Amino acid sequence: MAFCACGSARDCGWVLDEDAPRWPTVCMFRKQVLRSPETTAFPGARGKQSFEFNGGSGTHVDAPAHFIPGGRTIDQLRPEEL
Protein backbone atom coordinates (compact mmCIF):
# COMPACT_ATOMS: atom_id res chain seq x y z
CA MET A 1 0.00 0.00 0.00
CA ALA A 2 1.11 3.52 -0.73
CA PHE A 3 -0.27 6.47 1.18
CA CYS A 4 -0.85 9.77 -0.58
CA ALA A 5 -0.74 13.22 1.05
CA CYS A 6 -4.51 13.12 1.62
CA GLY A 7 -4.02 10.13 3.93
CA SER A 8 -5.75 7.55 1.75
CA ALA A 9 -4.11 4.31 0.70
CA ARG A 10 -3.49 3.20 -2.87
CA ASP A 11 -2.84 -0.39 -3.86
CA CYS A 12 0.32 -0.36 -5.97
CA GLY A 13 0.58 -4.13 -6.05
CA TRP A 14 1.06 -6.29 -9.10
CA VAL A 15 -0.11 -9.89 -9.38
CA LEU A 16 2.83 -12.30 -8.99
CA ASP A 17 2.30 -15.08 -11.52
CA GLU A 18 3.81 -16.56 -14.68
CA ASP A 19 2.76 -13.46 -16.68
CA ALA A 20 4.16 -10.88 -14.24
CA PRO A 21 6.65 -8.35 -15.60
CA ARG A 22 10.23 -9.06 -14.62
CA TRP A 23 13.74 -7.82 -15.15
CA PRO A 24 14.99 -9.47 -18.37
CA THR A 25 18.07 -11.02 -16.76
CA VAL A 26 16.30 -12.89 -13.92
CA CYS A 27 14.33 -16.11 -13.91
CA MET A 28 10.62 -15.91 -14.48
CA PHE A 29 8.08 -16.87 -11.83
CA ARG A 30 7.52 -20.64 -11.83
CA LYS A 31 4.80 -22.60 -10.05
CA GLN A 32 4.80 -26.39 -9.83
CA VAL A 33 1.94 -28.44 -8.41
CA LEU A 34 3.56 -31.19 -6.34
CA ARG A 35 0.40 -32.78 -4.95
CA SER A 36 -3.31 -32.25 -5.28
CA PRO A 37 -6.30 -33.72 -3.45
CA GLU A 38 -6.96 -35.74 -6.61
CA THR A 39 -3.49 -37.33 -6.60
CA THR A 40 -3.10 -37.99 -2.85
CA ALA A 41 -4.96 -40.42 -0.65
CA PHE A 42 -7.10 -39.82 2.44
CA PRO A 43 -6.35 -38.95 5.23
CA GLY A 44 -3.32 -37.06 3.86
CA ALA A 45 -5.07 -35.71 0.77
CA ARG A 46 -3.91 -32.17 0.18
CA GLY A 47 -2.66 -29.63 -2.29
CA LYS A 48 1.03 -28.70 -2.27
CA GLN A 49 2.83 -26.30 -4.59
CA SER A 50 6.39 -25.14 -5.12
CA PHE A 51 7.31 -21.61 -6.24
CA GLU A 52 10.53 -20.26 -7.74
CA PHE A 53 11.18 -16.59 -8.38
CA ASN A 54 13.87 -13.95 -8.09
CA GLY A 55 14.07 -12.05 -4.80
CA GLY A 56 13.41 -8.79 -6.65
CA SER A 57 10.20 -10.07 -8.24
CA GLY A 58 6.88 -8.40 -7.75
CA THR A 59 6.01 -4.95 -6.53
CA HIS A 60 8.81 -3.64 -4.34
CA VAL A 61 11.01 -0.65 -3.61
CA ASP A 62 14.77 -0.72 -4.02
CA ALA A 63 16.36 1.28 -1.23
CA PRO A 64 19.37 3.50 -1.98
CA ALA A 65 21.56 0.86 -0.27
CA HIS A 66 20.70 -1.50 -3.12
CA PHE A 67 22.79 0.66 -5.46
CA ILE A 68 24.92 2.94 -3.28
CA PRO A 69 27.50 1.67 -0.76
CA GLY A 70 26.51 3.12 2.62
CA GLY A 71 23.12 4.24 1.26
CA ARG A 72 20.00 4.16 3.39
CA THR A 73 18.12 0.89 3.83
CA ILE A 74 14.36 0.61 3.33
CA ASP A 75 13.65 0.92 7.07
CA GLN A 76 15.39 4.31 7.04
CA LEU A 77 13.05 5.80 4.40
CA ARG A 78 10.00 7.80 5.48
CA PRO A 79 6.65 7.01 3.81
CA GLU A 80 6.38 10.56 2.49
CA GLU A 81 9.60 10.00 0.51
CA LEU A 82 8.04 7.20 -1.51
PDB file of N, CA and C in Angstrom:
ATOM      1  N   MET A   1       0.831  -1.178   0.000  1.00  0.00           N
ATOM      2  CA  MET A   1       0.000   0.000   0.000  1.00  0.00           C
ATOM      3  C   MET A   1       0.878   1.245   0.000  1.00  0.00           C
ATOM      4  N   ALA A   2       0.459   2.211  -0.736  1.00  0.00           N
ATOM      5  CA  ALA A   2       1.110   3.519  -0.732  1.00  0.00           C
ATOM      6  C   ALA A   2       0.113   4.530  -0.193  1.00  0.00           C
ATOM      7  N   PHE A   3       0.599   5.461   0.597  1.00  0.00           N
ATOM      8  CA  PHE A   3      -0.275   6.473   1.180  1.00  0.00           C
ATOM      9  C   PHE A   3       0.011   7.818   0.533  1.00  0.00           C
ATOM     10  N   CYS A   4      -1.028   8.461   0.037  1.00  0.00           N
ATOM     11  CA  CYS A   4      -0.848   9.772  -0.576  1.00  0.00           C
ATOM     12  C   CYS A   4      -1.006  10.859   0.485  1.00  0.00           C
ATOM     13  N   ALA A   5      -0.718  12.101   0.111  1.00  0.00           N
ATOM     14  CA  ALA A   5      -0.742  13.220   1.052  1.00  0.00           C
ATOM     15  C   ALA A   5      -2.100  13.389   1.722  1.00  0.00           C
ATOM     16  N   CYS A   6      -3.179  12.973   1.049  1.00  0.00           N
ATOM     17  CA  CYS A   6      -4.510  13.123   1.622  1.00  0.00           C
ATOM     18  C   CYS A   6      -4.791  12.069   2.688  1.00  0.00           C
ATOM     19  N   GLY A   7      -3.868  11.137   2.895  1.00  0.00           N
ATOM     20  CA  GLY A   7      -4.019  10.131   3.934  1.00  0.00           C
ATOM     21  C   GLY A   7      -4.687   8.848   3.478  1.00  0.00           C
ATOM     22  N   SER A   8      -5.118   8.781   2.227  1.00  0.00           N
ATOM     23  CA  SER A   8      -5.755   7.551   1.755  1.00  0.00           C
ATOM     24  C   SER A   8      -4.703   6.599   1.194  1.00  0.00           C
ATOM     25  N   ALA A   9      -5.036   5.332   1.177  1.00  0.00           N
ATOM     26  CA  ALA A   9      -4.114   4.309   0.699  1.00  0.00           C
ATOM     27  C   ALA A   9      -4.415   3.955  -0.747  1.00  0.00           C
ATOM     28  N   ARG A  10      -3.370   3.642  -1.487  1.00  0.00           N
ATOM     29  CA  ARG A  10      -3.489   3.203  -2.874  1.00  0.00           C
ATOM     30  C   ARG A  10      -2.789   1.858  -3.005  1.00  0.00           C
ATOM     31  N   ASP A  11      -3.455   0.912  -3.621  1.00  0.00           N
ATOM     32  CA  ASP A  11      -2.840  -0.394  -3.857  1.00  0.00           C
ATOM     33  C   ASP A  11      -1.952  -0.282  -5.078  1.00  0.00           C
ATOM     34  N   CYS A  12      -0.651  -0.432  -4.873  1.00  0.00           N
ATOM     35  CA  CYS A  12       0.320  -0.356  -5.972  1.00  0.00           C
ATOM     36  C   CYS A  12       0.821  -1.747  -6.335  1.00  0.00           C
ATOM     37  N   GLY A  13       0.135  -2.763  -5.840  1.00  0.00           N
ATOM     38  CA  GLY A  13       0.582  -4.133  -6.053  1.00  0.00           C
ATOM     39  C   GLY A  13       0.390  -4.622  -7.476  1.00  0.00           C
ATOM     40  N   TRP A  14       1.133  -5.636  -7.803  1.00  0.00           N
ATOM     41  CA  TRP A  14       1.064  -6.293  -9.097  1.00  0.00           C
ATOM     42  C   TRP A  14       0.934  -7.782  -8.823  1.00  0.00           C
ATOM     43  N   VAL A  15       0.082  -8.461  -9.562  1.00  0.00           N
ATOM     44  CA  VAL A  15      -0.107  -9.895  -9.378  1.00  0.00           C
ATOM     45  C   VAL A  15       1.210 -10.613  -9.680  1.00  0.00           C
ATOM     46  N   LEU A  16       1.607 -11.518  -8.799  1.00  0.00           N
ATOM     47  CA  LEU A  16       2.825 -12.296  -8.993  1.00  0.00           C
ATOM     48  C   LEU A  16       2.436 -13.654  -9.549  1.00  0.00           C
ATOM     49  N   ASP A  17       2.607 -13.818 -10.857  1.00  0.00           N
ATOM     50  CA  ASP A  17       2.296 -15.080 -11.525  1.00  0.00           C
ATOM     51  C   ASP A  17       3.203 -15.241 -12.737  1.00  0.00           C
ATOM     52  N   GLU A  18       2.961 -16.261 -13.529  1.00  0.00           N
ATOM     53  CA  GLU A  18       3.814 -16.555 -14.685  1.00  0.00           C
ATOM     54  C   GLU A  18       3.828 -15.431 -15.717  1.00  0.00           C
ATOM     55  N   ASP A  19       2.839 -14.556 -15.712  1.00  0.00           N
ATOM     56  CA  ASP A  19       2.763 -13.456 -16.677  1.00  0.00           C
ATOM     57  C   ASP A  19       3.245 -12.125 -16.105  1.00  0.00           C
ATOM     58  N   ALA A  20       3.738 -12.120 -14.891  1.00  0.00           N
ATOM     59  CA  ALA A  20       4.161 -10.880 -14.237  1.00  0.00           C
ATOM     60  C   ALA A  20       5.380 -10.294 -14.953  1.00  0.00           C
ATOM     61  N   PRO A  21       5.457  -8.959 -15.012  1.00  0.00           N
ATOM     62  CA  PRO A  21       6.653  -8.350 -15.596  1.00  0.00           C
ATOM     63  C   PRO A  21       7.862  -8.660 -14.728  1.00  0.00           C
ATOM     64  N   ARG A  22       9.007  -8.740 -15.353  1.00  0.00           N
ATOM     65  CA  ARG A  22      10.232  -9.062 -14.616  1.00  0.00           C
ATOM     66  C   ARG A  22      11.411  -8.412 -15.308  1.00  0.00           C
ATOM     67  N   TRP A  23      12.496  -8.297 -14.578  1.00  0.00           N
ATOM     68  CA  TRP A  23      13.741  -7.816 -15.154  1.00  0.00           C
ATOM     69  C   TRP A  23      14.213  -8.874 -16.144  1.00  0.00           C
ATOM     70  N   PRO A  24      14.668  -8.484 -17.325  1.00  0.00           N
ATOM     71  CA  PRO A  24      14.991  -9.474 -18.366  1.00  0.00           C
ATOM     72  C   PRO A  24      16.089 -10.469 -18.008  1.00  0.00           C
ATOM     73  N   THR A  25      16.947 -10.138 -17.066  1.00  0.00           N
ATOM     74  CA  THR A  25      18.070 -11.022 -16.756  1.00  0.00           C
ATOM     75  C   THR A  25      17.805 -11.986 -15.605  1.00  0.00           C
ATOM     76  N   VAL A  26      16.597 -11.988 -15.037  1.00  0.00           N
ATOM     77  CA  VAL A  26      16.302 -12.886 -13.920  1.00  0.00           C
ATOM     78  C   VAL A  26      15.288 -13.956 -14.345  1.00  0.00           C
ATOM     79  N   CYS A  27      15.247 -15.029 -13.578  1.00  0.00           N
ATOM     80  CA  CYS A  27      14.328 -16.110 -13.906  1.00  0.00           C
ATOM     81  C   CYS A  27      12.880 -15.651 -13.769  1.00  0.00           C
ATOM     82  N   MET A  28      12.034 -16.225 -14.575  1.00  0.00           N
ATOM     83  CA  MET A  28      10.617 -15.905 -14.483  1.00  0.00           C
ATOM     84  C   MET A  28       9.982 -16.661 -13.321  1.00  0.00           C
ATOM     85  N   PHE A  29       8.835 -16.225 -12.906  1.00  0.00           N
ATOM     86  CA  PHE A  29       8.081 -16.871 -11.834  1.00  0.00           C
ATOM     87  C   PHE A  29       7.661 -18.261 -12.310  1.00  0.00           C
ATOM     88  N   ARG A  30       7.914 -19.265 -11.474  1.00  0.00           N
ATOM     89  CA  ARG A  30       7.521 -20.642 -11.827  1.00  0.00           C
ATOM     90  C   ARG A  30       6.720 -21.245 -10.682  1.00  0.00           C
ATOM     91  N   LYS A  31       5.622 -21.905 -11.033  1.00  0.00           N
ATOM     92  CA  LYS A  31       4.799 -22.599 -10.045  1.00  0.00           C
ATOM     93  C   LYS A  31       4.693 -24.058 -10.478  1.00  0.00           C
ATOM     94  N   GLN A  32       4.912 -24.964  -9.549  1.00  0.00           N
ATOM     95  CA  GLN A  32       4.802 -26.394  -9.834  1.00  0.00           C
ATOM     96  C   GLN A  32       3.860 -27.019  -8.817  1.00  0.00           C
ATOM     97  N   VAL A  33       2.852 -27.716  -9.294  1.00  0.00           N
ATOM     98  CA  VAL A  33       1.936 -28.438  -8.411  1.00  0.00           C
ATOM     99  C   VAL A  33       2.608 -29.765  -8.063  1.00  0.00           C
ATOM    100  N   LEU A  34       2.900 -29.970  -6.791  1.00  0.00           N
ATOM    101  CA  LEU A  34       3.562 -31.189  -6.339  1.00  0.00           C
ATOM    102  C   LEU A  34       2.552 -32.273  -5.974  1.00  0.00           C
ATOM    103  N   ARG A  35       1.461 -31.847  -5.342  1.00  0.00           N
ATOM    104  CA  ARG A  35       0.397 -32.782  -4.954  1.00  0.00           C
ATOM    105  C   ARG A  35      -0.928 -32.057  -5.075  1.00  0.00           C
ATOM    106  N   SER A  36      -1.966 -32.813  -5.277  1.00  0.00           N
ATOM    107  CA  SER A  36      -3.307 -32.251  -5.275  1.00  0.00           C
ATOM    108  C   SER A  36      -4.227 -33.237  -4.566  1.00  0.00           C
ATOM    109  N   PRO A  37      -5.377 -32.790  -4.100  1.00  0.00           N
ATOM    110  CA  PRO A  37      -6.301 -33.715  -3.453  1.00  0.00           C
ATOM    111  C   PRO A  37      -6.666 -34.891  -4.364  1.00  0.00           C
ATOM    112  N   GLU A  38      -6.634 -34.657  -5.668  1.00  0.00           N
ATOM    113  CA  GLU A  38      -6.964 -35.737  -6.614  1.00  0.00           C
ATOM    114  C   GLU A  38      -5.862 -36.779  -6.751  1.00  0.00           C
ATOM    115  N   THR A  39      -4.606 -36.394  -6.423  1.00  0.00           N
ATOM    116  CA  THR A  39      -3.487 -37.326  -6.600  1.00  0.00           C
ATOM    117  C   THR A  39      -2.937 -37.859  -5.281  1.00  0.00           C
ATOM    118  N   THR A  40      -3.535 -37.479  -4.145  1.00  0.00           N
ATOM    119  CA  THR A  40      -3.096 -37.989  -2.849  1.00  0.00           C
ATOM    120  C   THR A  40      -4.259 -38.691  -2.164  1.00  0.00           C
ATOM    121  N   ALA A  41      -3.923 -39.601  -1.280  1.00  0.00           N
ATOM    122  CA  ALA A  41      -4.961 -40.425  -0.650  1.00  0.00           C
ATOM    123  C   ALA A  41      -5.349 -39.894   0.726  1.00  0.00           C
ATOM    124  N   PHE A  42      -6.595 -40.131   1.104  1.00  0.00           N
ATOM    125  CA  PHE A  42      -7.101 -39.824   2.439  1.00  0.00           C
ATOM    126  C   PHE A  42      -6.336 -40.679   3.445  1.00  0.00           C
ATOM    127  N   PRO A  43      -5.992 -40.224   4.610  1.00  0.00           N
ATOM    128  CA  PRO A  43      -6.351 -38.952   5.233  1.00  0.00           C
ATOM    129  C   PRO A  43      -5.366 -37.825   4.921  1.00  0.00           C
ATOM    130  N   GLY A  44      -4.320 -38.097   4.140  1.00  0.00           N
ATOM    131  CA  GLY A  44      -3.320 -37.060   3.864  1.00  0.00           C
ATOM    132  C   GLY A  44      -3.569 -36.294   2.583  1.00  0.00           C
ATOM    133  N   ALA A  45      -4.774 -36.408   2.014  1.00  0.00           N
ATOM    134  CA  ALA A  45      -5.071 -35.707   0.766  1.00  0.00           C
ATOM    135  C   ALA A  45      -4.901 -34.202   0.958  1.00  0.00           C
ATOM    136  N   ARG A  46      -4.157 -33.610   0.049  1.00  0.00           N
ATOM    137  CA  ARG A  46      -3.907 -32.171   0.178  1.00  0.00           C
ATOM    138  C   ARG A  46      -3.306 -31.625  -1.118  1.00  0.00           C
ATOM    139  N   GLY A  47      -3.330 -30.322  -1.202  1.00  0.00           N
ATOM    140  CA  GLY A  47      -2.657 -29.633  -2.289  1.00  0.00           C
ATOM    141  C   GLY A  47      -1.324 -29.103  -1.794  1.00  0.00           C
ATOM    142  N   LYS A  48      -0.295 -29.196  -2.630  1.00  0.00           N
ATOM    143  CA  LYS A  48       1.026 -28.697  -2.265  1.00  0.00           C
ATOM    144  C   LYS A  48       1.674 -28.155  -3.534  1.00  0.00           C
ATOM    145  N   GLN A  49       2.219 -26.939  -3.433  1.00  0.00           N
ATOM    146  CA  GLN A  49       2.832 -26.304  -4.586  1.00  0.00           C
ATOM    147  C   GLN A  49       4.237 -25.829  -4.238  1.00  0.00           C
ATOM    148  N   SER A  50       5.048 -25.677  -5.261  1.00  0.00           N
ATOM    149  CA  SER A  50       6.393 -25.141  -5.119  1.00  0.00           C
ATOM    150  C   SER A  50       6.484 -23.896  -5.999  1.00  0.00           C
ATOM    151  N   PHE A  51       7.157 -22.852  -5.498  1.00  0.00           N
ATOM    152  CA  PHE A  51       7.311 -21.613  -6.239  1.00  0.00           C
ATOM    153  C   PHE A  51       8.788 -21.263  -6.369  1.00  0.00           C
ATOM    154  N   GLU A  52       9.166 -20.733  -7.522  1.00  0.00           N
ATOM    155  CA  GLU A  52      10.530 -20.257  -7.738  1.00  0.00           C
ATOM    156  C   GLU A  52      10.442 -18.885  -8.393  1.00  0.00           C
ATOM    157  N   PHE A  53      11.123 -17.916  -7.785  1.00  0.00           N
ATOM    158  CA  PHE A  53      11.177 -16.591  -8.385  1.00  0.00           C
ATOM    159  C   PHE A  53      12.354 -15.818  -7.816  1.00  0.00           C
ATOM    160  N   ASN A  54      12.761 -14.797  -8.499  1.00  0.00           N
ATOM    161  CA  ASN A  54      13.868 -13.953  -8.088  1.00  0.00           C
ATOM    162  C   ASN A  54      13.458 -13.109  -6.887  1.00  0.00           C
ATOM    163  N   GLY A  55      14.371 -12.841  -5.995  1.00  0.00           N
ATOM    164  CA  GLY A  55      14.071 -12.053  -4.805  1.00  0.00           C
ATOM    165  C   GLY A  55      13.582 -10.642  -5.100  1.00  0.00           C
ATOM    166  N   GLY A  56      13.865 -10.122  -6.283  1.00  0.00           N
ATOM    167  CA  GLY A  56      13.407  -8.794  -6.651  1.00  0.00           C
ATOM    168  C   GLY A  56      12.118  -8.816  -7.444  1.00  0.00           C
ATOM    169  N   SER A  57      11.445  -9.951  -7.481  1.00  0.00           N
ATOM    170  CA  SER A  57      10.204 -10.068  -8.245  1.00  0.00           C
ATOM    171  C   SER A  57       9.059  -9.364  -7.540  1.00  0.00           C
ATOM    172  N   GLY A  58       8.070  -8.997  -8.317  1.00  0.00           N
ATOM    173  CA  GLY A  58       6.876  -8.402  -7.747  1.00  0.00           C
ATOM    174  C   GLY A  58       7.050  -6.931  -7.416  1.00  0.00           C
ATOM    175  N   THR A  59       5.996  -6.355  -6.886  1.00  0.00           N
ATOM    176  CA  THR A  59       6.010  -4.946  -6.530  1.00  0.00           C
ATOM    177  C   THR A  59       6.909  -4.758  -5.313  1.00  0.00           C
ATOM    178  N   HIS A  60       7.900  -3.899  -5.447  1.00  0.00           N
ATOM    179  CA  HIS A  60       8.808  -3.641  -4.335  1.00  0.00           C
ATOM    180  C   HIS A  60       9.507  -2.307  -4.542  1.00  0.00           C
ATOM    181  N   VAL A  61      10.230  -1.878  -3.546  1.00  0.00           N
ATOM    182  CA  VAL A  61      11.014  -0.649  -3.608  1.00  0.00           C
ATOM    183  C   VAL A  61      12.470  -1.021  -3.368  1.00  0.00           C
ATOM    184  N   ASP A  62      13.342  -0.554  -4.247  1.00  0.00           N
ATOM    185  CA  ASP A  62      14.772  -0.719  -4.019  1.00  0.00           C
ATOM    186  C   ASP A  62      15.267   0.477  -3.220  1.00  0.00           C
ATOM    187  N   ALA A  63      15.814   0.216  -2.068  1.00  0.00           N
ATOM    188  CA  ALA A  63      16.364   1.276  -1.227  1.00  0.00           C
ATOM    189  C   ALA A  63      17.664   1.790  -1.843  1.00  0.00           C
ATOM    190  N   PRO A  64      18.090   3.002  -1.481  1.00  0.00           N
ATOM    191  CA  PRO A  64      19.368   3.501  -1.981  1.00  0.00           C
ATOM    192  C   PRO A  64      20.530   2.534  -1.719  1.00  0.00           C
ATOM    193  N   ALA A  65      20.492   1.804  -0.596  1.00  0.00           N
ATOM    194  CA  ALA A  65      21.562   0.862  -0.267  1.00  0.00           C
ATOM    195  C   ALA A  65      21.678  -0.264  -1.296  1.00  0.00           C
ATOM    196  N   HIS A  66      20.653  -0.463  -2.083  1.00  0.00           N
ATOM    197  CA  HIS A  66      20.696  -1.502  -3.124  1.00  0.00           C
ATOM    198  C   HIS A  66      21.710  -1.129  -4.212  1.00  0.00           C
ATOM    199  N   PHE A  67      21.907   0.179  -4.398  1.00  0.00           N
ATOM    200  CA  PHE A  67      22.790   0.655  -5.464  1.00  0.00           C
ATOM    201  C   PHE A  67      24.006   1.430  -4.963  1.00  0.00           C
ATOM    202  N   ILE A  68      23.889   2.031  -3.776  1.00  0.00           N
ATOM    203  CA  ILE A  68      24.921   2.943  -3.281  1.00  0.00           C
ATOM    204  C   ILE A  68      25.539   2.393  -1.999  1.00  0.00           C
ATOM    205  N   PRO A  69      26.854   2.122  -1.994  1.00  0.00           N
ATOM    206  CA  PRO A  69      27.498   1.667  -0.762  1.00  0.00           C
ATOM    207  C   PRO A  69      27.275   2.690   0.353  1.00  0.00           C
ATOM    208  N   GLY A  70      26.785   2.241   1.494  1.00  0.00           N
ATOM    209  CA  GLY A  70      26.506   3.117   2.618  1.00  0.00           C
ATOM    210  C   GLY A  70      25.186   3.871   2.503  1.00  0.00           C
ATOM    211  N   GLY A  71      24.417   3.589   1.442  1.00  0.00           N
ATOM    212  CA  GLY A  71      23.124   4.240   1.261  1.00  0.00           C
ATOM    213  C   GLY A  71      22.120   3.775   2.302  1.00  0.00           C
ATOM    214  N   ARG A  72      21.018   4.513   2.399  1.00  0.00           N
ATOM    215  CA  ARG A  72      19.995   4.162   3.388  1.00  0.00           C
ATOM    216  C   ARG A  72      19.289   2.864   3.000  1.00  0.00           C
ATOM    217  N   THR A  73      18.901   2.108   4.026  1.00  0.00           N
ATOM    218  CA  THR A  73      18.120   0.886   3.828  1.00  0.00           C
ATOM    219  C   THR A  73      16.639   1.244   3.865  1.00  0.00           C
ATOM    220  N   ILE A  74      15.793   0.321   3.461  1.00  0.00           N
ATOM    221  CA  ILE A  74      14.361   0.605   3.329  1.00  0.00           C
ATOM    222  C   ILE A  74      13.733   1.055   4.647  1.00  0.00           C
ATOM    223  N   ASP A  75      14.210   0.531   5.766  1.00  0.00           N
ATOM    224  CA  ASP A  75      13.648   0.924   7.066  1.00  0.00           C
ATOM    225  C   ASP A  75      14.043   2.346   7.462  1.00  0.00           C
ATOM    226  N   GLN A  76      14.966   2.944   6.745  1.00  0.00           N
ATOM    227  CA  GLN A  76      15.390   4.311   7.037  1.00  0.00           C
ATOM    228  C   GLN A  76      14.659   5.346   6.176  1.00  0.00           C
ATOM    229  N   LEU A  77      13.819   4.888   5.251  1.00  0.00           N
ATOM    230  CA  LEU A  77      13.046   5.800   4.403  1.00  0.00           C
ATOM    231  C   LEU A  77      11.724   6.137   5.078  1.00  0.00           C
ATOM    232  N   ARG A  78      11.301   7.373   4.931  1.00  0.00           N
ATOM    233  CA  ARG A  78      10.005   7.803   5.478  1.00  0.00           C
ATOM    234  C   ARG A  78       8.936   7.596   4.407  1.00  0.00           C
ATOM    235  N   PRO A  79       7.727   7.230   4.799  1.00  0.00           N
ATOM    236  CA  PRO A  79       6.649   7.006   3.807  1.00  0.00           C
ATOM    237  C   PRO A  79       6.451   8.182   2.864  1.00  0.00           C
ATOM    238  N   GLU A  80       6.605   9.398   3.352  1.00  0.00           N
ATOM    239  CA  GLU A  80       6.379  10.559   2.487  1.00  0.00           C
ATOM    240  C   GLU A  80       7.472  10.705   1.410  1.00  0.00           C
ATOM    241  N   GLU A  81       8.570   9.969   1.542  1.00  0.00           N
ATOM    242  CA  GLU A  81       9.598   9.997   0.511  1.00  0.00           C
ATOM    243  C   GLU A  81       9.274   9.081  -0.662  1.00  0.00           C
ATOM    244  N   LEU A  82       8.337   8.189  -0.478  1.00  0.00           N
ATOM    245  CA  LEU A  82       8.044   7.202  -1.515  1.00  0.00           C
ATOM    246  C   LEU A  82       7.056   7.734  -2.535  1.00  0.00           C
TER     247      LEU A  82
END
